Protein backbone atom coordinates (compact mmCIF):
# COMPACT_ATOMS: atom_id res chain seq x y z
CA MET A 1 -43.70 -4.20 -36.78
CA HIS A 2 -40.29 -3.76 -38.38
CA ARG A 3 -39.88 -0.31 -36.73
CA LYS A 4 -40.51 -1.93 -33.28
CA THR A 5 -37.98 -4.60 -34.07
CA LEU A 6 -35.55 -2.13 -35.33
CA ARG A 7 -35.92 -0.08 -32.21
CA ARG A 8 -35.21 -3.07 -29.88
CA THR A 9 -32.18 -4.02 -31.98
CA VAL A 10 -30.75 -0.55 -31.77
CA ALA A 11 -31.56 -0.37 -28.03
CA ALA A 12 -29.79 -3.69 -27.57
CA PHE A 13 -26.62 -2.40 -29.29
CA ALA A 14 -26.48 0.84 -27.45
CA VAL A 15 -26.75 -1.02 -24.12
CA SER A 16 -24.10 -3.60 -25.15
CA GLY A 17 -21.96 -0.83 -26.47
CA THR A 18 -22.25 0.99 -23.12
CA ALA A 19 -21.21 -2.19 -21.37
CA VAL A 20 -18.27 -2.52 -23.66
CA LEU A 21 -17.10 1.08 -23.01
CA ALA A 22 -17.58 0.56 -19.33
CA LEU A 23 -15.55 -2.64 -19.33
CA SER A 24 -12.68 -1.08 -21.43
CA ALA A 25 -12.40 1.81 -19.05
CA CYS A 26 -11.21 -0.57 -16.24
CA SER A 27 -7.51 0.02 -15.20
CA PRO A 28 -5.44 -3.14 -15.80
CA ALA A 29 -3.68 -4.80 -12.82
CA VAL A 30 -0.73 -2.97 -11.33
CA ASP A 31 2.46 -4.91 -12.05
CA VAL A 32 4.10 -5.12 -8.71
CA THR A 33 6.93 -7.61 -7.94
CA ALA A 34 6.12 -9.60 -4.86
CA ALA A 35 8.44 -9.61 -1.77
CA ASN A 36 10.65 -12.61 -1.03
CA ASP A 37 8.44 -13.61 1.84
CA ALA A 38 5.10 -12.57 0.32
CA ALA A 39 3.65 -16.05 1.07
CA ASN A 40 4.14 -15.61 4.72
CA PRO A 41 0.70 -16.14 6.52
CA ALA A 42 1.23 -13.24 8.74
CA CYS A 43 0.62 -10.97 5.59
CA ALA A 44 -2.91 -12.10 5.29
CA PRO A 45 -4.53 -10.22 8.05
CA MET A 46 -2.99 -7.09 7.10
CA MET A 47 -3.90 -7.45 3.30
CA VAL A 48 -7.58 -7.92 4.18
CA ALA A 49 -7.51 -4.82 6.34
CA LEU A 50 -6.06 -2.53 3.71
CA PRO A 51 -8.09 0.74 3.24
CA ASP A 52 -10.13 1.22 -0.03
CA THR A 53 -8.59 4.62 -0.38
CA ILE A 54 -5.43 6.51 0.89
CA GLY A 55 -6.13 10.23 0.68
CA ASP A 56 -8.08 10.39 -2.65
CA ALA A 57 -6.35 7.53 -4.33
CA GLY A 58 -8.47 4.32 -4.62
CA LEU A 59 -7.09 0.90 -4.38
CA ARG A 60 -6.46 -1.04 -7.32
CA LYS A 61 -5.78 -4.80 -8.24
CA THR A 62 -2.31 -5.93 -8.55
CA ASN A 63 -0.82 -9.03 -10.13
CA SER A 64 1.26 -10.21 -7.04
CA GLN A 65 0.53 -11.88 -3.74
CA ALA A 66 0.64 -9.53 -0.74
CA THR A 67 0.73 -6.29 -2.83
CA ALA A 68 -1.45 -3.35 -3.17
CA ALA A 69 -1.53 -0.13 -5.04
CA TRP A 70 -3.70 2.92 -4.85
CA GLY A 71 -4.15 5.70 -7.29
CA ASP A 72 -4.29 5.68 -11.24
CA PRO A 73 -1.39 6.21 -12.00
CA SER A 74 -0.18 4.61 -8.98
CA GLN A 75 0.74 6.96 -5.95
CA VAL A 76 1.27 4.32 -3.29
CA ILE A 77 2.69 0.78 -3.72
CA LEU A 78 2.74 -1.70 -0.75
CA ARG A 79 4.63 -4.97 -0.46
CA CYS A 80 4.27 -7.19 2.52
CA GLY A 81 7.07 -9.82 3.11
CA VAL A 82 10.18 -7.50 2.54
CA ASN A 83 13.44 -7.96 4.43
CA VAL A 84 13.02 -6.93 7.98
CA PRO A 85 15.10 -3.91 8.85
CA GLY A 86 17.79 -4.28 11.53
CA PRO A 87 19.12 -1.66 13.65
CA THR A 88 19.60 1.47 11.54
CA THR A 89 20.47 5.16 11.93
CA ASP A 90 17.81 5.99 9.18
CA ARG A 91 15.10 8.26 10.31
CA CYS A 92 12.42 6.26 12.06
CA VAL A 93 9.03 7.69 12.90
CA THR A 94 6.05 6.45 14.81
CA VAL A 95 2.53 7.00 13.44
CA ASN A 96 -0.47 5.73 15.27
CA ASP A 97 1.69 3.20 17.25
CA ILE A 98 3.38 1.77 13.91
CA ASP A 99 7.22 2.49 13.50
CA TRP A 100 8.51 3.22 10.00
CA VAL A 101 11.88 3.44 8.56
CA ILE A 102 12.09 6.40 6.07
CA LYS A 103 14.46 6.42 3.28
CA GLU A 104 14.01 9.64 1.07
CA GLY A 105 14.83 9.06 -2.62
CA ASP A 106 14.35 11.16 -5.43
CA PRO A 107 11.55 11.13 -6.48
CA TYR A 108 10.21 8.22 -4.41
CA TYR A 109 10.24 7.52 -0.50
CA THR A 110 10.59 3.94 0.80
CA LEU A 111 8.78 3.54 4.11
CA THR A 112 9.24 0.17 5.93
CA THR A 113 7.66 -1.05 8.99
CA TYR A 114 10.17 -1.61 11.81
CA GLY A 115 9.81 -4.12 14.54
CA ARG A 116 7.39 -6.31 12.61
CA GLU A 117 7.95 -9.61 10.89
CA PRO A 118 7.31 -9.82 8.17
CA ALA A 119 8.06 -6.42 7.25
CA THR A 120 5.84 -4.27 4.88
CA GLU A 121 7.27 -1.71 2.60
CA ILE A 122 5.68 1.27 0.89
CA LEU A 123 6.84 3.20 -2.16
CA MET A 124 5.32 6.51 -2.61
CA ASP A 125 6.18 9.96 -4.49
CA PRO A 126 5.84 12.72 -1.75
CA ASP A 127 4.94 15.21 -4.43
CA LYS A 128 1.84 13.41 -5.20
CA ILE A 129 0.69 12.26 -1.83
CA SER A 130 1.64 13.14 1.79
CA SER A 131 3.58 10.55 3.73
CA ALA A 132 1.73 11.62 6.78
CA THR A 133 -1.81 10.65 5.07
CA VAL A 134 -0.19 7.34 3.80
CA LEU A 135 1.07 6.22 7.19
CA ALA A 136 -2.01 7.29 8.88
CA ASP A 137 -4.29 5.53 6.49
CA LEU A 138 -2.05 2.41 6.62
CA ALA A 139 -1.65 2.20 10.51
CA ALA A 140 -4.77 0.08 11.29
CA ALA A 141 -3.73 -2.51 8.64
CA ALA A 142 0.03 -2.49 9.37
CA GLY A 143 -0.99 -3.21 13.11
CA LYS A 144 -2.30 -6.48 12.06
CA ILE A 145 1.44 -7.75 12.19
CA LYS A 146 2.41 -8.00 15.64
CA ALA A 147 5.28 -5.53 16.88
CA THR A 148 8.27 -7.30 18.40
CA ARG A 149 10.65 -4.16 18.61
CA GLN A 150 10.31 -0.53 18.48
CA CYS A 151 12.30 2.39 17.23
CA ILE A 152 14.50 4.22 19.73
CA GLY A 153 15.48 7.76 19.22
CA GLN A 154 18.52 9.98 20.44
CA GLU A 155 16.76 10.99 23.52
CA ASP A 156 16.28 7.21 24.37
CA LEU A 157 20.00 6.75 23.76
CA GLN A 158 20.97 9.53 26.34
CA ASN A 159 19.00 7.58 29.17
CA LEU A 160 21.08 4.36 28.76
CA PRO A 161 23.29 3.45 31.84
CA SER A 162 26.90 4.30 31.21
CA GLY A 163 29.12 1.23 30.81
CA LYS A 164 31.77 1.70 33.52
C-alpha cells in the first residue's frame, strides 16, 4: 500500500517538475518602445494580420502596444505608428504592392512603409534574415493600412512635363 502511494507521489512530482521546466523555458516578452502614434486605430487591422513566422523566426510577445518581434533572439522588430516619412531621396522599394523606404545601417536596416498612415517601421539585421523575406512576409499585413501615396523613381521623374 505504501509503495502505491509513493509511486503516485513520485509521478505527481515528475509531472509538476516537467510543467515547471516547460514554463521556465518560455521566452520573456520582448522590450520594444511603442511608437508615438501606436494607439492609432488604423494599426489594429495590421497587428491582427501579422504572420506567425517570418522565414524561420517565430512571432514572440512584446511589452508595448502595436509592436511585434520575431525570432529568439529577435531578428525582426515591428512598430506601427511611427512618423510618416515625407518625400525622400532614400531608396524606396515596392514589394507586393507595399512601398518601403530603406535606410541601411550598421548592423541594422530600418524599413518604413511609405505612403501609409500610420507608418510601420521594421528593424532587422540583414546578416540574420533576408530583407526580401521580411518584406514579402509582412506585405499582406502592411496592406491593411490604406496607401495614399506611392514611391516614385528616377524613371518617373524623367517623364514629368518640363516647366517652360
